[in-house]
Amino acid sequence: MNQIDLSGLRDIRLPVQPDFWPLASGWYILIGCILITAVLGFVIWRLWRNKPLPYALRELKKIKQENEKDSLKQLSQLLKRVAMAKHGRDAIAPLHEDEWQEFLLASAPQTLNKEQAKQLAYAIYNPNPKTPDKRLFLSCQKWIEKVLKK
């Protein structure tokens, strides 16, 4: 058998593997887009969450679920806070009894009837308030939505 002399051949060298770092420019663009999207999403979420309408509706739902004896007082206080958020503290804080009742009826017509507005206006002064019914909660929800969407 003839033997071939391979002593003059060079070793086979594989190309060098590319490093992980630094990344190619496309990866930097992708990471930047993801970060910008995350930051914008967080900012939009915070702005939406801090708006008074969703906050007031969450408070209303919480009062409705607790269904305690002083729910009517809490409901009246919530409506007053909503009105202060919309019209300012100086205009709303001094309102009480008949003035508060008139404001409730005038600020969002066709949401509360006179009896419901009277219940809410005098709830703070009533030592034995009755538990509000579902219609009152629904009317208060409509009132809140109408006042805060103006």
Protein backbone atom coordinates (compact mmCIF):
# COMPACT_ATOMS: atom_id res chain seq x y z
CA MET A 1 0.00 0.00 0.00
CA ASN A 2 1.12 3.42 -0.84
CA GLN A 3 1.20 5.86 1.96
CA ILE A 4 0.52 9.53 1.33
CA ASP A 5 2.70 12.04 3.07
CA LEU A 6 0.40 14.51 4.91
CA SER A 7 3.10 16.23 6.93
CA GLY A 8 3.06 19.39 4.77
CA LEU A 9 -0.67 20.12 5.26
CA ARG A 10 -1.78 22.74 7.68
CA ASP A 11 -4.35 22.10 10.39
CA ILE A 12 -7.94 23.01 9.64
CA ARG A 13 -8.94 26.13 11.53
CA LEU A 14 -12.59 26.89 12.22
CA PRO A 15 -13.71 30.52 12.06
CA VAL A 16 -13.93 32.36 15.36
CA GLN A 17 -17.40 32.31 16.93
CA PRO A 18 -18.94 35.79 17.19
CA ASP A 19 -19.18 37.22 20.70
CA PHE A 20 -22.50 37.79 22.43
CA TRP A 21 -21.50 41.33 23.33
CA PRO A 22 -21.66 43.92 21.81
CA LEU A 23 -25.02 43.24 20.25
CA ALA A 24 -25.86 44.06 16.69
CA SER A 25 -27.62 47.39 16.14
CA GLY A 26 -30.99 45.70 15.46
CA TRP A 27 -31.06 44.33 19.00
CA TYR A 28 -30.50 47.80 20.45
CA ILE A 29 -33.40 49.13 18.40
CA LEU A 30 -35.64 46.28 19.55
CA ILE A 31 -34.73 46.78 23.22
CA GLY A 32 -35.35 50.53 22.89
CA CYS A 33 -38.80 49.95 21.34
CA ILE A 34 -39.74 47.54 24.11
CA LEU A 35 -38.62 49.99 26.82
CA ILE A 36 -40.47 52.92 25.21
CA THR A 37 -43.64 50.84 24.89
CA ALA A 38 -43.42 49.72 28.52
CA VAL A 39 -42.87 53.26 29.81
CA LEU A 40 -45.71 54.70 27.70
CA GLY A 41 -48.02 51.90 28.79
CA PHE A 42 -47.23 52.54 32.44
CA VAL A 43 -47.76 56.31 32.08
CA ILE A 44 -51.10 55.85 30.31
CA TRP A 45 -52.21 53.31 32.91
CA ARG A 46 -51.30 55.70 35.77
CA LEU A 47 -53.07 58.62 34.13
CA TRP A 48 -56.20 56.55 33.58
CA ARG A 49 -56.10 55.12 37.10
CA ASN A 50 -55.77 58.55 38.71
CA LYS A 51 -58.79 59.98 36.93
CA PRO A 52 -61.65 60.65 39.30
CA LEU A 53 -64.31 58.65 37.40
CA PRO A 54 -62.80 55.16 37.74
CA TYR A 55 -61.73 55.94 41.30
CA ALA A 56 -65.23 57.11 42.26
CA LEU A 57 -66.85 54.08 40.65
CA ARG A 58 -64.49 51.77 42.56
CA GLU A 59 -65.41 53.54 45.81
CA LEU A 60 -69.11 53.22 44.97
CA LYS A 61 -68.70 49.51 44.29
CA LYS A 62 -66.85 49.09 47.58
CA ILE A 63 -69.63 50.85 49.52
CA LYS A 64 -72.24 48.72 47.75
CA GLN A 65 -70.43 45.48 48.57
CA GLU A 66 -69.91 46.33 52.24
CA ASN A 67 -73.61 47.18 52.64
CA GLU A 68 -73.21 48.46 56.19
CA LYS A 69 -75.63 50.52 58.25
CA ASP A 70 -73.79 53.78 57.52
CA SER A 71 -73.65 53.13 53.75
CA LEU A 72 -75.96 56.07 53.13
CA LYS A 73 -73.55 58.41 54.93
CA GLN A 74 -70.62 57.02 52.98
CA LEU A 75 -72.57 57.44 49.75
CA SER A 76 -73.34 61.07 50.55
CA GLN A 77 -69.70 61.74 51.41
CA LEU A 78 -68.58 60.10 48.17
CA LEU A 79 -70.90 62.31 46.13
CA LYS A 80 -69.62 65.37 47.97
CA ARG A 81 -66.02 64.39 47.23
CA VAL A 82 -66.89 63.89 43.56
CA ALA A 83 -68.54 67.31 43.45
CA MET A 84 -65.49 68.88 45.11
CA ALA A 85 -63.21 67.22 42.57
CA LYS A 86 -65.26 68.70 39.75
CA HIS A 87 -66.32 72.13 41.09
CA GLY A 88 -63.70 72.88 43.73
CA ARG A 89 -63.71 72.71 47.50
CA ASP A 90 -64.72 76.35 48.08
CA ALA A 91 -67.93 75.97 46.07
CA ILE A 92 -69.07 72.61 47.48
CA ALA A 93 -67.83 72.31 51.07
CA PRO A 94 -70.24 74.89 52.56
CA LEU A 95 -73.29 73.18 51.01
CA HIS A 96 -75.45 71.25 53.47
CA GLU A 97 -79.03 70.05 53.88
CA ASP A 98 -81.36 71.87 51.43
CA GLU A 99 -78.51 73.53 49.50
CA TRP A 100 -76.78 70.18 49.05
CA GLN A 101 -80.05 68.58 47.97
CA GLU A 102 -80.64 71.33 45.39
CA PHE A 103 -77.10 70.96 44.11
CA LEU A 104 -77.52 67.19 43.72
CA LEU A 105 -80.69 67.71 41.69
CA ALA A 106 -79.32 70.59 39.59
CA SER A 107 -75.83 69.30 38.83
CA ALA A 108 -76.96 66.14 37.04
CA PRO A 109 -80.65 66.35 36.17
CA GLN A 110 -82.66 63.17 35.69
CA THR A 111 -80.26 61.00 37.66
CA LEU A 112 -81.57 61.40 41.21
CA ASN A 113 -85.17 62.00 42.19
CA LYS A 114 -86.16 64.38 45.01
CA GLU A 115 -86.57 61.62 47.58
CA GLN A 116 -83.14 60.13 46.84
CA ALA A 117 -81.49 63.57 46.94
CA LYS A 118 -83.20 64.28 50.26
CA GLN A 119 -81.99 60.95 51.69
CA LEU A 120 -78.43 61.77 50.66
CA ALA A 121 -78.56 65.37 51.86
CA TYR A 122 -79.80 64.45 55.34
CA ALA A 123 -77.92 61.13 55.71
CA ILE A 124 -75.14 62.70 57.77
CA TYR A 125 -77.62 64.11 60.29
CA ASN A 126 -79.78 61.00 60.56
CA PRO A 127 -78.87 58.93 63.66
CA ASN A 128 -80.58 55.80 62.29
CA PRO A 129 -80.16 55.79 58.53
CA LYS A 130 -81.71 52.98 56.58
CA THR A 131 -79.66 50.84 54.22
CA PRO A 132 -79.79 52.22 50.68
CA ASP A 133 -81.51 50.16 48.03
CA LYS A 134 -80.11 49.12 44.64
CA ARG A 135 -81.94 51.91 42.82
CA LEU A 136 -80.15 54.53 44.91
CA PHE A 137 -76.77 53.00 44.08
CA LEU A 138 -77.66 52.94 40.38
CA SER A 139 -78.85 56.56 40.52
CA CYS A 140 -75.65 57.60 42.31
CA GLN A 141 -73.58 55.82 39.69
CA LYS A 142 -75.40 57.71 36.93
CA TRP A 143 -74.95 60.97 38.86
CA ILE A 144 -71.21 60.39 39.24
CA GLU A 145 -70.79 59.50 35.57
CA LYS A 146 -72.77 62.54 34.43
CA VAL A 147 -70.98 65.00 36.73
CA LEU A 148 -67.47 63.78 35.93
CA LYS A 149 -68.02 63.52 32.17
CA LYS A 150 -69.11 67.16 31.81
